């Protein structure tokens, strides 16, 4: 009766003492070379003919010409462009200086310094506001992680993409450049809270669709 022994078909452990990795690599390459058959061509055309075929196919297609900058480029509604720091309907800033956007930025392009609000000088409905806010567009990759991290929807991205400049210092946007303009019904801060007695009244209130200062509209059924 013939005794059958189990054959260990596993690859040798490269960490074993005395193992020759070069010899094992050569052996595997030789085995693959013996087992591999000739590659069959999927087309009767020679290789150069297939390459020029792609070129000739593009010649007869209609050429799309962008008349930019004479004709402004129309972007998609959810395009990731220049950032905007939004305001509440009474003009107070939505930014509370939490610095979550700076922590979420993978390119380290955002710099934020928070400040404390006082009753005599109030810029946001919370305890703090963004005293210093800068975005370095030399680093920004427009990924949108900063607006996802913002808890108050203060930071959003507009459709403005014309940010090219010949001066590196001018591509570091400050808070004054990023703040949204004052709409009708808004008052430039600092001023007292107009929409309620505390910050909760700003976040649980129902937006007024008739007001031009409301950034959020009520969905119609």
N, C-alpha and C. Protein backbone atom coordinates (compact mmCIF):
# COMPACT_ATOMS: atom_id res chain seq x y z
N UNK A 1 0.86 -1.19 0.00
CA UNK A 1 0.00 0.00 0.00
C UNK A 1 0.89 1.23 0.00
N UNK A 2 0.62 2.12 -0.93
CA UNK A 2 1.45 3.30 -1.09
C UNK A 2 0.99 4.37 -0.10
N UNK A 3 1.95 4.96 0.56
CA UNK A 3 1.65 6.00 1.54
C UNK A 3 1.72 7.35 0.85
N UNK A 4 0.66 8.11 0.97
CA UNK A 4 0.60 9.44 0.37
C UNK A 4 0.87 10.47 1.45
N UNK A 5 1.82 11.32 1.18
CA UNK A 5 2.15 12.38 2.12
C UNK A 5 1.65 13.73 1.60
N UNK A 6 1.22 14.55 2.53
CA UNK A 6 0.76 15.90 2.15
C UNK A 6 1.96 16.74 1.75
N UNK A 7 1.82 17.40 0.62
CA UNK A 7 2.90 18.26 0.12
C UNK A 7 2.59 19.70 0.49
N UNK A 8 3.57 20.35 1.09
CA UNK A 8 3.40 21.74 1.46
C UNK A 8 3.61 22.61 0.23
N UNK A 9 2.51 23.17 -0.29
CA UNK A 9 2.59 23.98 -1.50
C UNK A 9 2.70 25.47 -1.20
N UNK A 10 2.87 25.83 0.04
CA UNK A 10 3.00 27.24 0.37
C UNK A 10 4.36 27.77 -0.06
N UNK A 11 4.43 29.06 -0.32
CA UNK A 11 5.70 29.67 -0.68
C UNK A 11 6.62 29.70 0.53
N UNK A 12 7.92 29.58 0.30
CA UNK A 12 8.85 29.61 1.43
C UNK A 12 8.78 30.94 2.17
N UNK A 13 9.02 30.85 3.46
CA UNK A 13 9.00 32.06 4.28
C UNK A 13 10.28 32.85 4.02
N UNK A 14 10.18 34.09 3.53
CA UNK A 14 11.40 34.85 3.24
C UNK A 14 12.19 35.20 4.48
N UNK A 15 11.56 35.07 5.66
CA UNK A 15 12.25 35.41 6.90
C UNK A 15 13.01 34.22 7.49
N UNK A 16 12.87 33.05 6.88
CA UNK A 16 13.61 31.89 7.39
C UNK A 16 15.11 32.08 7.17
N UNK A 17 15.92 31.61 8.11
CA UNK A 17 17.38 31.72 7.95
C UNK A 17 17.85 30.92 6.73
N UNK A 18 18.70 31.52 5.94
CA UNK A 18 19.24 30.87 4.76
C UNK A 18 18.36 30.93 3.53
N UNK A 19 17.22 31.62 3.60
CA UNK A 19 16.33 31.69 2.44
C UNK A 19 16.92 32.62 1.38
N UNK A 20 16.92 32.16 0.13
CA UNK A 20 17.46 32.94 -0.98
C UNK A 20 16.29 33.56 -1.75
N UNK A 21 16.05 34.84 -1.52
CA UNK A 21 14.93 35.51 -2.16
C UNK A 21 15.17 35.68 -3.66
N UNK A 22 16.41 35.91 -4.07
CA UNK A 22 16.71 36.09 -5.49
C UNK A 22 16.44 34.81 -6.27
N UNK A 23 16.85 33.68 -5.68
CA UNK A 23 16.62 32.40 -6.36
C UNK A 23 15.13 32.10 -6.46
N UNK A 24 14.37 32.41 -5.42
CA UNK A 24 12.94 32.16 -5.46
C UNK A 24 12.26 33.02 -6.53
N UNK A 25 12.69 34.29 -6.66
CA UNK A 25 12.11 35.17 -7.67
C UNK A 25 12.40 34.67 -9.08
N UNK A 26 13.64 34.24 -9.33
CA UNK A 26 13.99 33.71 -10.64
C UNK A 26 13.19 32.46 -10.96
N UNK A 27 13.00 31.60 -9.96
CA UNK A 27 12.24 30.37 -10.18
C UNK A 27 10.79 30.68 -10.55
N UNK A 28 10.18 31.66 -9.85
CA UNK A 28 8.79 32.00 -10.14
C UNK A 28 8.66 32.64 -11.52
N UNK A 29 9.63 33.47 -11.92
CA UNK A 29 9.56 34.08 -13.24
C UNK A 29 9.72 33.05 -14.34
N UNK A 30 10.61 32.06 -14.14
CA UNK A 30 10.78 31.01 -15.13
C UNK A 30 9.52 30.17 -15.27
N UNK A 31 8.87 29.87 -14.13
CA UNK A 31 7.64 29.08 -14.17
C UNK A 31 6.52 29.83 -14.89
N UNK A 32 6.41 31.13 -14.64
CA UNK A 32 5.38 31.92 -15.32
C UNK A 32 5.67 31.99 -16.81
N UNK A 33 6.95 32.09 -17.17
CA UNK A 33 7.30 32.15 -18.59
C UNK A 33 6.95 30.87 -19.32
N UNK A 34 7.08 29.73 -18.67
CA UNK A 34 6.73 28.46 -19.31
C UNK A 34 5.24 28.28 -19.45
N UNK A 35 4.50 28.76 -18.42
CA UNK A 35 3.05 28.55 -18.43
C UNK A 35 2.31 29.55 -19.33
N UNK A 36 2.91 30.73 -19.52
CA UNK A 36 2.20 31.77 -20.29
C UNK A 36 2.25 31.46 -21.77
N UNK A 37 1.10 31.58 -22.43
CA UNK A 37 1.03 31.36 -23.86
C UNK A 37 1.14 32.66 -24.62
N UNK A 38 1.18 32.59 -25.93
CA UNK A 38 1.27 33.81 -26.73
C UNK A 38 0.01 34.66 -26.61
N UNK A 39 0.21 35.97 -26.59
CA UNK A 39 -0.92 36.90 -26.46
C UNK A 39 -1.61 37.02 -27.81
N UNK A 40 -2.90 36.79 -27.83
CA UNK A 40 -3.67 36.85 -29.06
C UNK A 40 -4.18 38.27 -29.26
N UNK A 41 -4.03 38.79 -30.49
CA UNK A 41 -4.49 40.13 -30.83
C UNK A 41 -6.01 40.10 -31.03
N UNK A 42 -6.67 41.14 -30.55
CA UNK A 42 -8.12 41.23 -30.69
C UNK A 42 -8.54 41.91 -31.98
N UNK A 43 -7.60 42.41 -32.76
CA UNK A 43 -7.92 43.09 -34.02
C UNK A 43 -6.93 42.65 -35.09
N UNK A 44 -7.40 42.65 -36.36
CA UNK A 44 -6.52 42.27 -37.46
C UNK A 44 -5.63 43.43 -37.88
N UNK A 45 -5.92 44.66 -37.40
CA UNK A 45 -5.08 45.81 -37.73
C UNK A 45 -3.78 45.76 -36.95
N UNK A 46 -2.69 46.20 -37.55
CA UNK A 46 -1.44 46.28 -36.79
C UNK A 46 -1.52 47.34 -35.70
N UNK A 47 -0.57 47.30 -34.78
CA UNK A 47 -0.58 48.23 -33.65
C UNK A 47 -0.61 49.69 -34.05
N UNK A 48 0.27 50.16 -34.97
CA UNK A 48 0.21 51.57 -35.38
C UNK A 48 -1.12 51.95 -36.01
N UNK A 49 -1.74 51.01 -36.75
CA UNK A 49 -3.03 51.32 -37.36
C UNK A 49 -4.11 51.55 -36.32
N UNK A 50 -4.08 50.78 -35.23
CA UNK A 50 -5.06 50.99 -34.17
C UNK A 50 -4.86 52.34 -33.50
N UNK A 51 -3.59 52.73 -33.29
CA UNK A 51 -3.34 54.02 -32.65
C UNK A 51 -3.78 55.18 -33.50
N UNK A 52 -3.47 55.15 -34.80
CA UNK A 52 -3.90 56.24 -35.68
C UNK A 52 -5.40 56.22 -35.91
N UNK A 53 -6.04 55.07 -35.70
CA UNK A 53 -7.49 55.03 -35.84
C UNK A 53 -8.18 55.90 -34.81
N UNK A 54 -7.64 55.91 -33.60
CA UNK A 54 -8.21 56.78 -32.57
C UNK A 54 -8.02 58.25 -32.95
N UNK A 55 -6.86 58.57 -33.51
CA UNK A 55 -6.60 59.95 -33.92
C UNK A 55 -7.54 60.39 -35.03
N UNK A 56 -7.71 59.56 -36.06
CA UNK A 56 -8.58 59.93 -37.17
C UNK A 56 -10.04 60.02 -36.74
N UNK A 57 -10.45 59.22 -35.77
CA UNK A 57 -11.84 59.28 -35.30
C UNK A 57 -12.14 60.61 -34.63
N UNK A 58 -11.13 61.25 -34.00
CA UNK A 58 -11.35 62.53 -33.34
C UNK A 58 -11.36 63.69 -34.32
N UNK A 59 -10.79 63.50 -35.51
CA UNK A 59 -10.70 64.61 -36.46
C UNK A 59 -12.07 65.06 -36.93
N UNK A 60 -12.98 64.14 -37.12
CA UNK A 60 -14.27 64.46 -37.71
C UNK A 60 -15.33 64.80 -36.67
N UNK A 61 -14.95 64.87 -35.40
CA UNK A 61 -15.91 65.27 -34.37
C UNK A 61 -16.00 66.79 -34.29
N UNK A 62 -17.15 67.27 -33.83
CA UNK A 62 -17.36 68.70 -33.69
C UNK A 62 -16.49 69.25 -32.57
N UNK A 63 -15.82 70.35 -32.87
CA UNK A 63 -14.92 70.96 -31.90
C UNK A 63 -15.71 71.91 -31.00
N UNK A 64 -15.54 71.77 -29.71
CA UNK A 64 -16.20 72.65 -28.74
C UNK A 64 -15.23 73.76 -28.35
N UNK A 65 -15.61 75.00 -28.63
CA UNK A 65 -14.77 76.15 -28.33
C UNK A 65 -15.41 76.97 -27.22
N UNK A 66 -14.67 77.20 -26.16
CA UNK A 66 -15.14 78.03 -25.06
C UNK A 66 -14.70 79.47 -25.29
N UNK A 67 -15.66 80.37 -25.44
CA UNK A 67 -15.37 81.79 -25.67
C UNK A 67 -15.14 82.50 -24.35
N UNK A 68 -14.17 81.99 -23.59
CA UNK A 68 -13.87 82.58 -22.27
C UNK A 68 -12.61 83.43 -22.42
N UNK A 69 -12.57 84.64 -21.86
CA UNK A 69 -13.50 85.22 -20.88
C UNK A 69 -14.59 86.11 -21.47
N UNK A 70 -14.67 86.20 -22.80
CA UNK A 70 -15.72 87.03 -23.39
C UNK A 70 -17.11 86.53 -23.00
N UNK A 71 -17.30 85.22 -23.00
CA UNK A 71 -18.56 84.61 -22.56
C UNK A 71 -18.30 83.92 -21.23
N UNK A 72 -18.88 84.40 -20.14
CA UNK A 72 -18.61 83.79 -18.83
C UNK A 72 -19.01 82.33 -18.79
N UNK A 73 -18.21 81.55 -18.09
CA UNK A 73 -18.47 80.12 -17.94
C UNK A 73 -19.59 79.91 -16.93
N UNK A 74 -20.58 79.11 -17.28
CA UNK A 74 -21.70 78.79 -16.39
C UNK A 74 -21.35 77.50 -15.66
N UNK A 75 -21.26 77.58 -14.35
CA UNK A 75 -20.90 76.42 -13.54
C UNK A 75 -22.14 75.70 -13.04
N UNK A 76 -21.94 74.53 -12.47
CA UNK A 76 -23.03 73.77 -11.90
C UNK A 76 -23.49 74.41 -10.58
N UNK A 77 -24.74 74.17 -10.19
CA UNK A 77 -25.23 74.80 -8.95
C UNK A 77 -24.42 74.44 -7.72
N UNK A 78 -23.87 73.24 -7.65
CA UNK A 78 -23.12 72.80 -6.47
C UNK A 78 -21.61 72.91 -6.71
N UNK A 79 -21.21 73.82 -7.56
CA UNK A 79 -19.79 74.00 -7.86
C UNK A 79 -19.05 74.49 -6.62
N UNK A 80 -17.84 73.99 -6.41
CA UNK A 80 -17.01 74.39 -5.27
C UNK A 80 -16.10 75.54 -5.69
N UNK A 81 -16.53 76.76 -5.41
CA UNK A 81 -15.76 77.94 -5.75
C UNK A 81 -15.29 78.67 -4.50
N UNK A 82 -15.18 79.98 -4.62
CA UNK A 82 -14.68 80.80 -3.51
C UNK A 82 -15.61 80.70 -2.30
N UNK A 83 -15.03 80.72 -1.12
CA UNK A 83 -15.80 80.58 0.11
C UNK A 83 -16.52 81.88 0.46
N UNK A 84 -17.61 81.73 1.22
CA UNK A 84 -18.40 82.87 1.68
C UNK A 84 -18.73 82.65 3.15
N UNK A 85 -18.53 83.68 3.96
CA UNK A 85 -18.94 83.67 5.36
C UNK A 85 -20.31 84.35 5.44
N UNK A 86 -21.33 83.60 5.78
CA UNK A 86 -22.71 84.08 5.72
C UNK A 86 -23.11 84.82 6.99
N UNK A 87 -24.24 85.50 6.87
CA UNK A 87 -24.79 86.29 7.97
C UNK A 87 -26.19 85.80 8.33
N UNK A 88 -26.62 86.17 9.51
CA UNK A 88 -28.01 85.97 9.92
C UNK A 88 -28.88 87.07 9.31
N UNK A 89 -30.19 86.89 9.29
CA UNK A 89 -31.06 87.91 8.66
C UNK A 89 -30.96 89.30 9.26
N UNK A 90 -30.47 89.42 10.51
CA UNK A 90 -30.32 90.76 11.09
C UNK A 90 -28.92 91.33 10.88
N UNK A 91 -28.05 90.58 10.20
CA UNK A 91 -26.72 91.07 9.90
C UNK A 91 -25.61 90.49 10.74
N UNK A 92 -25.95 89.82 11.86
CA UNK A 92 -24.91 89.21 12.69
C UNK A 92 -24.24 88.05 11.95
N UNK A 93 -23.01 87.81 12.28
CA UNK A 93 -22.24 86.77 11.61
C UNK A 93 -22.63 85.39 12.13
N UNK A 94 -22.66 84.41 11.23
CA UNK A 94 -22.95 83.04 11.65
C UNK A 94 -21.73 82.35 12.24
N UNK A 95 -20.54 82.81 11.90
CA UNK A 95 -19.32 82.19 12.40
C UNK A 95 -19.20 82.42 13.90
N UNK A 96 -18.94 81.36 14.65
CA UNK A 96 -18.78 81.44 16.10
C UNK A 96 -17.33 81.19 16.52
N UNK A 97 -16.41 81.15 15.57
CA UNK A 97 -15.00 81.01 15.90
C UNK A 97 -14.63 79.68 16.52
N UNK A 98 -15.31 78.60 16.14
CA UNK A 98 -15.04 77.29 16.75
C UNK A 98 -13.78 76.63 16.18
N UNK A 99 -13.34 77.07 15.00
CA UNK A 99 -12.13 76.57 14.33
C UNK A 99 -12.26 75.14 13.82
N UNK A 100 -13.47 74.61 13.74
CA UNK A 100 -13.65 73.26 13.21
C UNK A 100 -13.29 73.19 11.72
N UNK A 101 -13.52 74.26 11.00
CA UNK A 101 -13.17 74.26 9.57
C UNK A 101 -11.66 74.17 9.40
N UNK A 102 -10.91 74.86 10.27
CA UNK A 102 -9.45 74.80 10.18
C UNK A 102 -8.93 73.41 10.52
N UNK A 103 -9.57 72.74 11.49
CA UNK A 103 -9.16 71.38 11.84
C UNK A 103 -9.49 70.40 10.74
N UNK A 104 -10.59 70.62 10.02
CA UNK A 104 -11.01 69.68 8.97
C UNK A 104 -10.26 69.87 7.67
N UNK A 105 -9.60 71.00 7.48
CA UNK A 105 -8.93 71.28 6.21
C UNK A 105 -7.71 70.39 6.06
N UNK A 106 -7.65 69.55 5.02
CA UNK A 106 -6.50 68.66 4.84
C UNK A 106 -5.27 69.39 4.32
N UNK A 107 -5.45 70.59 3.77
CA UNK A 107 -4.33 71.34 3.22
C UNK A 107 -3.82 72.42 4.15
N UNK A 108 -4.42 72.52 5.34
CA UNK A 108 -4.02 73.54 6.32
C UNK A 108 -4.08 74.94 5.70
N UNK A 109 -5.19 75.20 5.00
CA UNK A 109 -5.33 76.47 4.28
C UNK A 109 -6.14 77.50 5.05
N UNK A 110 -6.75 77.13 6.19
CA UNK A 110 -7.64 78.03 6.91
C UNK A 110 -7.01 78.38 8.25
N UNK A 111 -7.06 79.65 8.58
CA UNK A 111 -6.55 80.14 9.87
C UNK A 111 -7.67 80.94 10.55
N UNK A 112 -8.00 80.56 11.79
CA UNK A 112 -9.10 81.19 12.51
C UNK A 112 -8.63 81.55 13.91
N UNK A 113 -8.99 82.74 14.35
CA UNK A 113 -8.81 83.15 15.74
C UNK A 113 -10.17 83.61 16.26
N UNK A 114 -10.62 83.00 17.33
CA UNK A 114 -11.90 83.37 17.91
C UNK A 114 -11.78 84.52 18.89
N UNK A 115 -12.87 85.26 19.03
CA UNK A 115 -12.95 86.35 19.99
C UNK A 115 -14.22 86.25 20.78
N UNK A 116 -14.27 86.93 21.92
CA UNK A 116 -15.43 86.90 22.80
C UNK A 116 -16.36 88.07 22.51
N UNK A 117 -17.66 87.74 22.40
CA UNK A 117 -18.67 88.79 22.25
C UNK A 117 -18.96 89.43 23.60
N UNK A 118 -19.31 90.69 23.58
CA UNK A 118 -19.76 91.41 24.77
C UNK A 118 -21.10 92.07 24.44
N UNK A 119 -21.79 92.52 25.47
CA UNK A 119 -23.07 93.18 25.23
C UNK A 119 -22.89 94.49 24.50
N UNK A 120 -21.75 95.14 24.67
CA UNK A 120 -21.50 96.40 23.98
C UNK A 120 -20.94 96.19 22.57
N UNK A 121 -20.36 95.02 22.31
CA UNK A 121 -19.76 94.75 21.01
C UNK A 121 -20.02 93.30 20.64
N UNK A 122 -21.13 93.09 19.93
CA UNK A 122 -21.56 91.75 19.57
C UNK A 122 -21.53 91.59 18.05
N UNK A 123 -20.84 90.51 17.62
CA UNK A 123 -20.72 90.22 16.19
C UNK A 123 -21.49 88.97 15.77
N UNK A 124 -21.79 88.08 16.71
CA UNK A 124 -22.54 86.86 16.42
C UNK A 124 -23.47 86.59 17.59
N UNK A 125 -24.50 85.76 17.40
CA UNK A 125 -25.43 85.50 18.51
C UNK A 125 -24.86 84.60 19.60
N UNK A 126 -23.74 83.97 19.40
CA UNK A 126 -23.16 83.10 20.42
C UNK A 126 -22.22 83.83 21.36
N UNK A 127 -21.47 83.05 22.14
CA UNK A 127 -20.51 83.64 23.05
C UNK A 127 -19.26 84.13 22.34
N UNK A 128 -18.93 83.49 21.22
CA UNK A 128 -17.71 83.84 20.51
C UNK A 128 -18.00 84.13 19.04
N UNK A 129 -17.04 84.72 18.38
CA UNK A 129 -17.15 85.01 16.95
C UNK A 129 -15.76 84.87 16.33
N UNK A 130 -15.72 84.82 15.02
CA UNK A 130 -14.45 84.71 14.33
C UNK A 130 -13.78 86.07 14.21
N UNK A 131 -12.85 86.35 15.11
CA UNK A 131 -12.18 87.66 15.08
C UNK A 131 -11.23 87.78 13.89
N UNK A 132 -10.49 86.70 13.62
CA UNK A 132 -9.59 86.65 12.46
C UNK A 132 -9.97 85.42 11.65
N UNK A 133 -10.15 85.60 10.35
CA UNK A 133 -10.48 84.49 9.47
C UNK A 133 -9.73 84.68 8.16
N UNK A 134 -8.91 83.69 7.81
CA UNK A 134 -8.12 83.76 6.58
C UNK A 134 -8.17 82.42 5.86
N UNK A 135 -8.21 82.48 4.54
CA UNK A 135 -8.12 81.28 3.70
C UNK A 135 -7.01 81.51 2.68
N UNK A 136 -6.05 80.62 2.68
CA UNK A 136 -4.93 80.69 1.75
C UNK A 136 -5.29 79.89 0.50
N UNK A 137 -5.62 80.58 -0.58
CA UNK A 137 -6.02 79.90 -1.81
C UNK A 137 -4.83 79.36 -2.60
N UNK A 138 -3.63 79.58 -2.11
CA UNK A 138 -2.47 78.89 -2.68
C UNK A 138 -2.42 77.44 -2.20
N UNK A 139 -3.09 77.15 -1.09
CA UNK A 139 -3.12 75.80 -0.53
C UNK A 139 -4.46 75.11 -0.73
N UNK A 140 -5.53 75.88 -0.79
CA UNK A 140 -6.88 75.30 -0.84
C UNK A 140 -7.04 74.38 -2.04
N UNK A 141 -7.63 73.21 -1.81
CA UNK A 141 -7.90 72.24 -2.88
C UNK A 141 -9.39 72.14 -3.18
N UNK A 142 -10.22 73.00 -2.57
CA UNK A 142 -11.65 73.09 -2.84
C UNK A 142 -12.35 71.74 -2.67
N UNK A 143 -11.98 71.03 -1.63
CA UNK A 143 -12.58 69.72 -1.37
C UNK A 143 -13.95 69.83 -0.70
N UNK A 144 -14.20 70.93 0.02
CA UNK A 144 -15.48 71.12 0.67
C UNK A 144 -15.59 70.51 2.06
N UNK A 145 -14.50 69.95 2.61
CA UNK A 145 -14.57 69.38 3.95
C UNK A 145 -14.80 70.45 5.01
N UNK A 146 -14.37 71.68 4.75
CA UNK A 146 -14.55 72.75 5.72
C UNK A 146 -16.03 73.10 5.88
N UNK A 147 -16.78 73.14 4.78
CA UNK A 147 -18.19 73.48 4.90
C UNK A 147 -18.99 72.33 5.51
N UNK A 148 -18.50 71.10 5.37
CA UNK A 148 -19.16 69.98 6.03
C UNK A 148 -18.95 70.02 7.53
N UNK A 149 -17.81 70.56 7.96
CA UNK A 149 -17.49 70.60 9.39
C UNK A 149 -18.14 71.77 10.10
N UNK A 150 -18.58 72.79 9.36
CA UNK A 150 -19.14 74.00 10.00
C UNK A 150 -20.47 73.68 10.66
N UNK A 151 -20.60 73.89 11.97
CA UNK A 151 -21.86 73.53 12.66
C UNK A 151 -22.97 74.55 12.48
N UNK A 152 -22.66 75.77 12.04
CA UNK A 152 -23.68 76.82 11.94
C UNK A 152 -23.99 77.19 10.49
N UNK A 153 -23.46 76.46 9.53
CA UNK A 153 -23.64 76.77 8.11
C UNK A 153 -23.15 78.18 7.80
N UNK A 154 -22.14 78.61 8.52
CA UNK A 154 -21.56 79.92 8.26
C UNK A 154 -20.73 79.91 6.99
N UNK A 155 -19.95 78.86 6.81
CA UNK A 155 -19.04 78.78 5.67
C UNK A 155 -19.69 77.96 4.55
N UNK A 156 -19.83 78.57 3.40
CA UNK A 156 -20.33 77.89 2.21
C UNK A 156 -19.40 78.22 1.04
N UNK A 157 -19.65 77.58 -0.09
CA UNK A 157 -18.81 77.79 -1.27
C UNK A 157 -19.68 78.34 -2.39
N UNK A 158 -19.19 79.39 -3.03
CA UNK A 158 -19.94 80.05 -4.09
C UNK A 158 -19.54 79.47 -5.45
N UNK A 159 -20.04 80.08 -6.52
CA UNK A 159 -19.72 79.66 -7.89
C UNK A 159 -18.60 80.50 -8.50
N UNK A 160 -17.97 81.33 -7.71
CA UNK A 160 -16.90 82.19 -8.21
C UNK A 160 -15.61 81.38 -8.30
N UNK A 161 -15.06 81.28 -9.51
CA UNK A 161 -13.85 80.50 -9.71
C UNK A 161 -12.69 81.34 -10.23
N UNK A 162 -12.90 82.62 -10.47
CA UNK A 162 -11.85 83.47 -11.02
C UNK A 162 -10.98 83.99 -9.87
N UNK A 163 -10.01 83.19 -9.49
CA UNK A 163 -9.15 83.50 -8.34
C UNK A 163 -7.69 83.67 -8.73
N UNK A 164 -7.38 83.66 -10.02
CA UNK A 164 -5.99 83.77 -10.44
C UNK A 164 -5.44 85.16 -10.15
N UNK A 165 -4.17 85.22 -9.77
CA UNK A 165 -3.51 86.48 -9.46
C UNK A 165 -2.02 86.33 -9.67
N UNK A 166 -1.33 87.45 -9.86
CA UNK A 166 0.12 87.41 -10.04
C UNK A 166 0.87 87.77 -8.77
N UNK A 167 0.13 87.91 -7.67
CA UNK A 167 0.73 88.24 -6.38
C UNK A 167 0.29 87.21 -5.35
N UNK A 168 1.24 86.52 -4.75
CA UNK A 168 0.90 85.45 -3.82
C UNK A 168 0.19 85.99 -2.58
N UNK A 169 0.56 87.18 -2.13
CA UNK A 169 -0.06 87.74 -0.92
C UNK A 169 -1.54 88.04 -1.13
N UNK A 170 -1.91 88.38 -2.37
CA UNK A 170 -3.31 88.70 -2.64
C UNK A 170 -4.21 87.47 -2.66
N UNK A 171 -3.64 86.27 -2.68
CA UNK A 171 -4.43 85.05 -2.67
C UNK A 171 -4.70 84.54 -1.26
N UNK A 172 -4.31 85.29 -0.25
CA UNK A 172 -4.69 84.99 1.12
C UNK A 172 -5.86 85.90 1.46
N UNK A 173 -7.06 85.36 1.40
CA UNK A 173 -8.26 86.15 1.60
C UNK A 173 -8.53 86.33 3.10
N UNK A 174 -8.90 87.54 3.47
CA UNK A 174 -9.19 87.87 4.86
C UNK A 174 -10.69 87.80 5.11
N UNK A 175 -11.06 88.02 6.34
CA UNK A 175 -12.46 87.94 6.73
C UNK A 175 -13.29 88.98 5.99
N UNK A 176 -12.75 90.17 5.81
CA UNK A 176 -13.49 91.23 5.12
C UNK A 176 -13.78 90.85 3.67
N UNK A 177 -12.89 90.09 3.04
CA UNK A 177 -13.11 89.68 1.66
C UNK A 177 -14.07 88.51 1.54
N UNK A 178 -14.18 87.72 2.60
CA UNK A 178 -15.02 86.52 2.56
C UNK A 178 -16.44 86.76 3.07
N UNK A 179 -16.66 87.82 3.81
CA UNK A 179 -17.98 88.06 4.39
C UNK A 179 -19.01 88.34 3.29
N UNK A 180 -20.20 87.80 3.47
CA UNK A 180 -21.30 88.03 2.54
C UNK A 180 -21.75 89.48 2.65
N UNK A 181 -22.21 90.07 1.55
CA UNK A 181 -22.66 91.47 1.61
C UNK A 181 -23.92 91.63 2.44
N UNK A 182 -24.15 92.84 2.90
CA UNK A 182 -25.35 93.14 3.67
C UNK A 182 -26.54 93.27 2.73
N UNK A 183 -27.55 92.44 2.96
CA UNK A 183 -28.77 92.48 2.18
C UNK A 183 -29.77 93.43 2.81
N UNK A 184 -30.82 93.80 2.09
CA UNK A 184 -31.85 94.68 2.68
C UNK A 184 -32.42 94.07 3.95
N UNK A 185 -32.49 94.84 5.00
CA UNK A 185 -32.96 94.38 6.29
C UNK A 185 -31.86 94.00 7.24
N UNK A 186 -30.60 93.95 6.76
CA UNK A 186 -29.47 93.62 7.61
C UNK A 186 -28.82 94.88 8.15
N UNK A 187 -28.21 94.75 9.30
CA UNK A 187 -27.49 95.84 9.95
C UNK A 187 -26.06 95.38 10.21
N UNK A 188 -25.11 96.23 9.87
CA UNK A 188 -23.70 95.87 10.04
C UNK A 188 -23.37 95.72 11.53
N UNK A 189 -22.76 94.59 11.93
CA UNK A 189 -22.35 94.44 13.32
C UNK A 189 -21.16 95.34 13.64
N UNK A 190 -20.95 95.64 14.92
CA UNK A 190 -21.60 95.01 16.08
C UNK A 190 -22.92 95.68 16.45
N UNK A 191 -23.86 94.85 16.89
CA UNK A 191 -25.12 95.33 17.41
C UNK A 191 -25.77 94.21 18.22
N UNK A 192 -26.82 94.54 18.93
CA UNK A 192 -27.49 93.55 19.77
C UNK A 192 -28.28 92.57 18.91
N UNK A 193 -28.68 91.46 19.53
CA UNK A 193 -29.46 90.45 18.82
C UNK A 193 -30.87 90.97 18.54
N UNK A 194 -31.30 90.85 17.29
CA UNK A 194 -32.60 91.36 16.87
C UNK A 194 -33.64 90.25 16.73
N UNK A 195 -33.22 89.01 16.61
CA UNK A 195 -34.15 87.92 16.32
C UNK A 195 -34.54 87.11 17.54
N UNK A 196 -34.06 87.46 18.69
CA UNK A 196 -34.39 86.71 19.90
C UNK A 196 -33.53 87.15 21.07
N UNK A 197 -33.77 86.50 22.19
CA UNK A 197 -33.04 86.86 23.40
C UNK A 197 -31.73 86.11 23.55
N UNK A 198 -31.63 84.93 22.96
CA UNK A 198 -30.38 84.19 23.02
C UNK A 198 -30.12 83.53 21.67
N UNK A 199 -28.97 82.81 21.59
CA UNK A 199 -28.57 82.24 20.30
C UNK A 199 -29.49 81.13 19.83
N UNK A 200 -30.23 80.48 20.75
CA UNK A 200 -31.12 79.40 20.34
C UNK A 200 -32.23 79.91 19.43
N UNK A 201 -32.65 81.15 19.66
CA UNK A 201 -33.72 81.71 18.82
C UNK A 201 -33.27 81.88 17.37
N UNK A 202 -31.97 81.90 17.14
CA UNK A 202 -31.46 82.07 15.78
C UNK A 202 -31.46 80.75 15.00
N UNK A 203 -31.40 79.63 15.71
CA UNK A 203 -31.22 78.34 15.04
C UNK A 203 -32.49 77.49 15.02
N UNK A 204 -33.49 77.83 15.84
CA UNK A 204 -34.73 77.05 15.86
C UNK A 204 -35.90 77.83 15.27
N UNK A 205 -35.64 79.02 14.77
CA UNK A 205 -36.71 79.84 14.21
C UNK A 205 -37.08 79.36 12.81
N UNK A 206 -38.29 79.72 12.38
CA UNK A 206 -38.76 79.40 11.03
C UNK A 206 -38.37 80.53 10.09
N UNK A 207 -37.65 80.23 9.00
CA UNK A 207 -37.25 81.30 8.09
C UNK A 207 -38.45 81.99 7.46
N UNK A 208 -38.30 83.27 7.22
CA UNK A 208 -39.34 84.07 6.58
C UNK A 208 -39.05 84.15 5.09
N UNK A 209 -39.80 83.45 4.25
CA UNK A 209 -39.50 83.46 2.80
C UNK A 209 -39.74 84.81 2.15
N UNK A 210 -40.50 85.68 2.78
CA UNK A 210 -40.78 86.99 2.20
C UNK A 210 -39.64 87.97 2.42
N UNK A 211 -38.72 87.66 3.33
CA UNK A 211 -37.61 88.56 3.61
C UNK A 211 -36.47 88.33 2.64
N UNK A 212 -35.93 89.38 2.02
CA UNK A 212 -34.78 89.18 1.10
C UNK A 212 -33.50 88.82 1.82
N UNK A 213 -33.49 88.96 3.16
CA UNK A 213 -32.29 88.66 3.93
C UNK A 213 -32.22 87.21 4.38
N UNK A 214 -33.28 86.42 4.10
CA UNK A 214 -33.29 85.03 4.52
C UNK A 214 -32.50 84.18 3.53
N UNK A 215 -31.43 83.50 3.97
CA UNK A 215 -30.68 82.66 3.03
C UNK A 215 -31.34 81.33 2.73
N UNK A 216 -32.33 80.94 3.54
CA UNK A 216 -32.98 79.64 3.37
C UNK A 216 -34.45 79.89 3.05
N UNK A 217 -34.93 79.23 2.02
CA UNK A 217 -36.33 79.37 1.64
C UNK A 217 -37.09 78.13 2.08
N UNK A 218 -38.36 78.31 2.36
CA UNK A 218 -39.21 77.20 2.77
C UNK A 218 -39.62 76.42 1.54
N UNK A 219 -39.47 75.10 1.58
CA UNK A 219 -39.84 74.25 0.45
C UNK A 219 -41.35 74.20 0.31
N UNK A 220 -41.77 74.37 -0.91
CA UNK A 220 -43.21 74.33 -1.20
C UNK A 220 -43.62 72.89 -1.46
N UNK A 221 -44.74 72.45 -0.92
CA UNK A 221 -45.18 71.04 -1.14
C UNK A 221 -45.61 70.83 -2.58
